[in-house]
């Protein structure tokens, strides 16, 4: 039996302000830093160790994983960062307050934008300052890989190649793996691992800073999963 740990980053400043974040590179809040420390303490208390970590290229995820490993005295393990683990790209919603957006567009429409796997939020234009093509960290992405908007299915489609090419090989080598990412990139991985329907995944809510543990058999099929808390 093998264990895989998924962890959503600690609360960010924009989580605190109830704003759509997406690829905007906001920092952890004070509470988010505490959540990351608590996650590290929980994992250490329960005897977890890791051989490799995976995270996105966004600081709220990177800092959470760094804090967890620091608390566990495991900063020395290799960590691989990939844009493919980034949060879902929320397009023109990024930066907007969620309650104000509901007031403007209606609760039903905003719920579709947030949870329907096939619903696109309003897109941005390429001259928008939020367009990823303006940022050095995305210089290696092709034009087609730079999003203007993104639904959950597309988040899954860009996360799964990284899952198969980087994470699965580590698991097959019996490495102990932690993935620190975001609500929607983790939701996409969980939908794939658990073979959830679109309806089931819309009901899935992943709290910040709480380790989600998979127990896997020798063929990397899930036996069960649970929150470590």
Protein backbone atom coordinates (compact mmCIF):
# COMPACT_ATOMS: atom_id res chain seq x y z
CA UNK A 1 0.00 0.00 0.00
CA UNK A 2 1.27 3.43 -0.99
CA UNK A 3 0.15 6.88 0.12
CA UNK A 4 -0.19 10.05 -1.93
CA UNK A 5 -0.85 13.41 -0.26
CA UNK A 6 -2.72 16.25 -1.98
CA UNK A 7 -2.77 19.66 -0.33
CA UNK A 8 -4.55 22.84 -1.32
CA UNK A 9 -2.49 25.91 -0.46
CA UNK A 10 -3.28 27.87 2.69
CA UNK A 11 -5.74 30.74 2.60
CA UNK A 12 -4.58 33.49 0.24
CA UNK A 13 -5.13 37.22 0.56
CA UNK A 14 -7.79 37.02 -2.15
CA UNK A 15 -9.47 34.01 -0.52
CA UNK A 16 -9.78 36.26 2.52
CA UNK A 17 -11.22 39.06 0.39
CA UNK A 18 -13.58 36.61 -1.41
CA UNK A 19 -12.14 37.41 -4.83
CA UNK A 20 -11.66 35.21 -7.91
CA UNK A 21 -7.93 34.53 -8.13
CA UNK A 22 -7.03 32.12 -10.94
CA UNK A 23 -3.47 32.70 -12.15
CA UNK A 24 -3.11 36.03 -10.33
CA UNK A 25 -0.04 35.54 -8.13
CA UNK A 26 -1.34 36.64 -4.75
CA UNK A 27 0.36 35.78 -1.45
CA UNK A 28 -0.81 33.79 1.55
CA UNK A 29 -2.75 35.59 4.27
CA UNK A 30 -1.57 35.42 7.89
CA UNK A 31 -4.15 32.67 8.43
CA UNK A 32 -2.91 30.87 5.32
CA UNK A 33 0.61 30.80 6.75
CA UNK A 34 -0.77 29.28 9.96
CA UNK A 35 -2.71 26.69 7.95
CA UNK A 36 0.46 25.67 6.11
CA UNK A 37 2.32 25.30 9.40
CA UNK A 38 -0.53 23.24 10.83
CA UNK A 39 -0.53 20.96 7.78
CA UNK A 40 3.19 20.35 8.26
CA UNK A 41 2.67 19.61 11.95
CA UNK A 42 -0.14 17.16 11.16
CA UNK A 43 1.92 15.30 8.59
CA UNK A 44 4.93 15.14 10.92
CA UNK A 45 2.77 13.99 13.85
CA UNK A 46 1.38 11.12 11.77
CA UNK A 47 4.82 10.00 10.65
CA UNK A 48 4.72 11.10 7.01
CA UNK A 49 7.89 11.65 5.03
CA UNK A 50 8.33 12.53 1.36
CA UNK A 51 10.81 11.82 -1.42
CA UNK A 52 9.55 14.46 -3.86
CA UNK A 53 7.11 17.36 -3.99
CA UNK A 54 5.14 18.88 -6.86
CA UNK A 55 3.58 22.31 -6.98
CA UNK A 56 2.41 25.07 -9.30
CA UNK A 57 4.33 28.20 -10.28
CA UNK A 58 2.14 30.43 -8.08
CA UNK A 59 3.58 31.72 -4.80
CA UNK A 60 0.62 30.75 -2.57
CA UNK A 61 1.17 27.12 -3.50
CA UNK A 62 4.98 27.29 -3.50
CA UNK A 63 5.09 28.97 -0.08
CA UNK A 64 2.62 26.48 1.40
CA UNK A 65 4.72 23.52 0.30
CA UNK A 66 7.92 25.25 1.48
CA UNK A 67 6.37 25.85 4.91
CA UNK A 68 5.11 22.27 5.19
CA UNK A 69 8.54 20.87 4.33
CA UNK A 70 10.26 23.33 6.65
CA UNK A 71 8.08 22.25 9.59
CA UNK A 72 8.84 18.61 8.70
CA UNK A 73 12.59 19.37 8.38
CA UNK A 74 12.45 18.11 4.79
CA UNK A 75 13.35 21.20 2.77
CA UNK A 76 16.09 19.17 1.13
CA UNK A 77 13.76 16.99 -0.99
CA UNK A 78 13.45 17.89 -4.70
CA UNK A 79 10.41 19.97 -5.66
CA UNK A 80 9.17 20.23 -9.23
CA UNK A 81 7.10 23.26 -10.23
CA UNK A 82 4.75 23.28 -13.21
CA UNK A 83 2.21 25.71 -14.63
CA UNK A 84 0.08 22.62 -15.32
CA UNK A 85 -0.77 22.52 -11.60
CA UNK A 86 -1.84 26.18 -11.58
CA UNK A 87 -5.32 27.14 -10.47
CA UNK A 88 -8.00 27.26 -13.14
CA UNK A 89 -7.68 30.43 -15.24
CA UNK A 90 -10.80 32.44 -14.40
CA UNK A 91 -10.49 34.93 -17.27
CA UNK A 92 -12.20 38.27 -16.75
CA UNK A 93 -13.51 37.17 -13.33
CA UNK A 94 -10.00 37.32 -11.84
CA UNK A 95 -9.82 40.03 -9.21
CA UNK A 96 -13.61 40.44 -8.90
CA UNK A 97 -15.37 40.04 -5.56
CA UNK A 98 -17.57 36.94 -5.69
CA UNK A 99 -20.56 38.49 -3.90
CA UNK A 100 -20.49 41.55 -6.16
CA UNK A 101 -20.27 39.26 -9.19
CA UNK A 102 -23.33 37.33 -7.97
CA UNK A 103 -25.21 40.59 -7.53
CA UNK A 104 -24.37 41.57 -11.11
CA UNK A 105 -24.81 38.28 -12.99
CA UNK A 106 -27.01 36.20 -10.67
CA UNK A 107 -26.20 33.27 -8.40
CA UNK A 108 -27.08 30.60 -10.97
CA UNK A 109 -24.72 31.97 -13.62
CA UNK A 110 -21.84 32.47 -11.17
CA UNK A 111 -22.34 28.93 -9.84
CA UNK A 112 -22.03 27.61 -13.41
CA UNK A 113 -18.86 29.61 -13.97
CA UNK A 114 -17.39 28.25 -10.75
CA UNK A 115 -18.48 24.61 -10.81
CA UNK A 116 -19.81 23.47 -14.20
CA UNK A 117 -16.92 21.54 -15.81
CA UNK A 118 -17.86 22.82 -19.27
CA UNK A 119 -18.80 26.44 -18.54
CA UNK A 120 -16.33 29.17 -19.51
CA UNK A 121 -16.06 32.38 -17.49
CA UNK A 122 -15.88 35.56 -19.61
CA UNK A 123 -12.58 35.68 -21.50
CA UNK A 124 -9.95 38.39 -21.32
CA UNK A 125 -8.23 39.98 -24.30
CA UNK A 126 -4.52 39.49 -25.03
CA UNK A 127 -3.80 43.13 -24.16
CA UNK A 128 -5.28 42.64 -20.68
CA UNK A 129 -2.64 42.87 -17.94
CA UNK A 130 -3.93 39.54 -16.60
CA UNK A 131 -2.95 37.70 -19.82
CA UNK A 132 -0.24 35.15 -18.89
CA UNK A 133 1.74 35.91 -22.04
CA UNK A 134 2.98 39.12 -20.38
CA UNK A 135 4.84 37.22 -17.64
CA UNK A 136 8.34 35.73 -17.75
CA UNK A 137 7.36 32.53 -15.95
CA UNK A 138 5.17 31.53 -18.92
CA UNK A 139 7.72 32.22 -21.67
CA UNK A 140 8.02 28.51 -22.47
CA UNK A 141 4.30 28.06 -23.12
CA UNK A 142 3.04 27.90 -26.68
CA UNK A 143 0.45 30.37 -27.91
CA UNK A 144 -2.25 27.68 -27.62
CA UNK A 145 -1.28 26.95 -24.02
CA UNK A 146 -1.79 30.57 -22.90
CA UNK A 147 -5.42 30.79 -21.70
CA UNK A 148 -7.89 33.63 -22.10
CA UNK A 149 -10.44 31.68 -20.05
CA UNK A 150 -10.67 28.08 -18.86
CA UNK A 151 -13.30 25.62 -17.70
CA UNK A 152 -12.65 22.73 -15.31
CA UNK A 153 -12.40 20.17 -18.12
CA UNK A 154 -9.62 22.22 -19.70
CA UNK A 155 -7.89 22.46 -16.34
CA UNK A 156 -7.96 18.66 -16.20
CA UNK A 157 -6.70 18.38 -19.78
CA UNK A 158 -3.58 20.45 -19.03
CA UNK A 159 -2.98 18.88 -15.59
CA UNK A 160 -3.18 15.24 -16.71
CA UNK A 161 -0.07 15.24 -18.96
CA UNK A 162 1.96 16.34 -15.93
CA UNK A 163 0.25 13.66 -13.82
CA UNK A 164 1.17 10.93 -16.30
CA UNK A 165 4.64 12.20 -17.26
CA UNK A 166 5.99 13.30 -13.86
CA UNK A 167 3.87 12.19 -10.90
CA UNK A 168 2.93 8.64 -11.93
CA UNK A 169 6.59 7.69 -12.67
CA UNK A 170 7.56 8.88 -9.17
CA UNK A 171 4.78 6.79 -7.63
CA UNK A 172 5.82 3.76 -9.69
CA UNK A 173 9.31 4.10 -8.22
CA UNK A 174 7.65 3.87 -4.77
CA UNK A 175 8.52 7.46 -4.00
CA UNK A 176 6.48 9.19 -1.33
CA UNK A 177 4.78 12.11 -3.07
CA UNK A 178 3.12 15.34 -1.94
CA UNK A 179 1.27 17.57 -4.43
CA UNK A 180 0.55 21.11 -3.25
CA UNK A 181 -1.72 22.93 -5.67
CA UNK A 182 -5.07 24.70 -5.94
CA UNK A 183 -8.77 24.06 -5.47
CA UNK A 184 -9.55 23.46 -9.12
CA UNK A 185 -6.34 21.77 -10.28
CA UNK A 186 -6.72 19.34 -7.36
CA UNK A 187 -10.43 18.95 -8.12
CA UNK A 188 -9.48 17.98 -11.67
CA UNK A 189 -6.96 15.37 -10.45
CA UNK A 190 -9.45 13.96 -7.95
CA UNK A 191 -12.13 13.69 -10.64
CA UNK A 192 -9.69 11.66 -12.74
CA UNK A 193 -8.37 9.45 -9.90
CA UNK A 194 -11.83 8.73 -8.46
CA UNK A 195 -13.56 8.64 -11.87
CA UNK A 196 -16.14 11.16 -10.67
CA UNK A 197 -18.98 12.31 -12.88
CA UNK A 198 -19.32 15.97 -13.79
CA UNK A 199 -22.21 16.21 -11.34
CA UNK A 200 -20.16 14.68 -8.53
CA UNK A 201 -17.19 16.97 -9.08
CA UNK A 202 -19.41 20.08 -8.89
CA UNK A 203 -20.17 19.09 -5.28
CA UNK A 204 -16.52 18.61 -4.33
CA UNK A 205 -15.15 21.34 -2.08
CA UNK A 206 -11.51 21.21 -0.99
CA UNK A 207 -10.60 23.24 2.12
CA UNK A 208 -7.37 25.21 2.29
CA UNK A 209 -4.42 23.78 4.18
CA UNK A 210 -5.88 20.33 4.93
CA UNK A 211 -3.97 17.26 3.66
CA UNK A 212 -6.03 14.85 1.52
CA UNK A 213 -4.52 11.34 1.65
CA UNK A 214 -4.93 8.63 -0.97
CA UNK A 215 -4.09 5.03 -0.15
CA UNK A 216 -3.14 3.25 -3.38
CA UNK A 217 -2.66 -0.41 -4.24
CA UNK A 218 0.31 -1.85 -6.15
CA UNK A 219 -1.28 -0.82 -9.46
CA UNK A 220 -1.87 2.72 -8.15
CA UNK A 221 -5.62 2.25 -7.93
CA UNK A 222 -7.13 4.07 -4.99
CA UNK A 223 -8.15 1.95 -1.99
CA UNK A 224 -9.59 4.87 -0.04
CA UNK A 225 -9.04 8.55 0.67
CA UNK A 226 -9.52 10.80 3.68
CA UNK A 227 -8.59 14.16 5.15
CA UNK A 228 -5.77 14.13 7.68
CA UNK A 229 -7.21 16.28 10.44
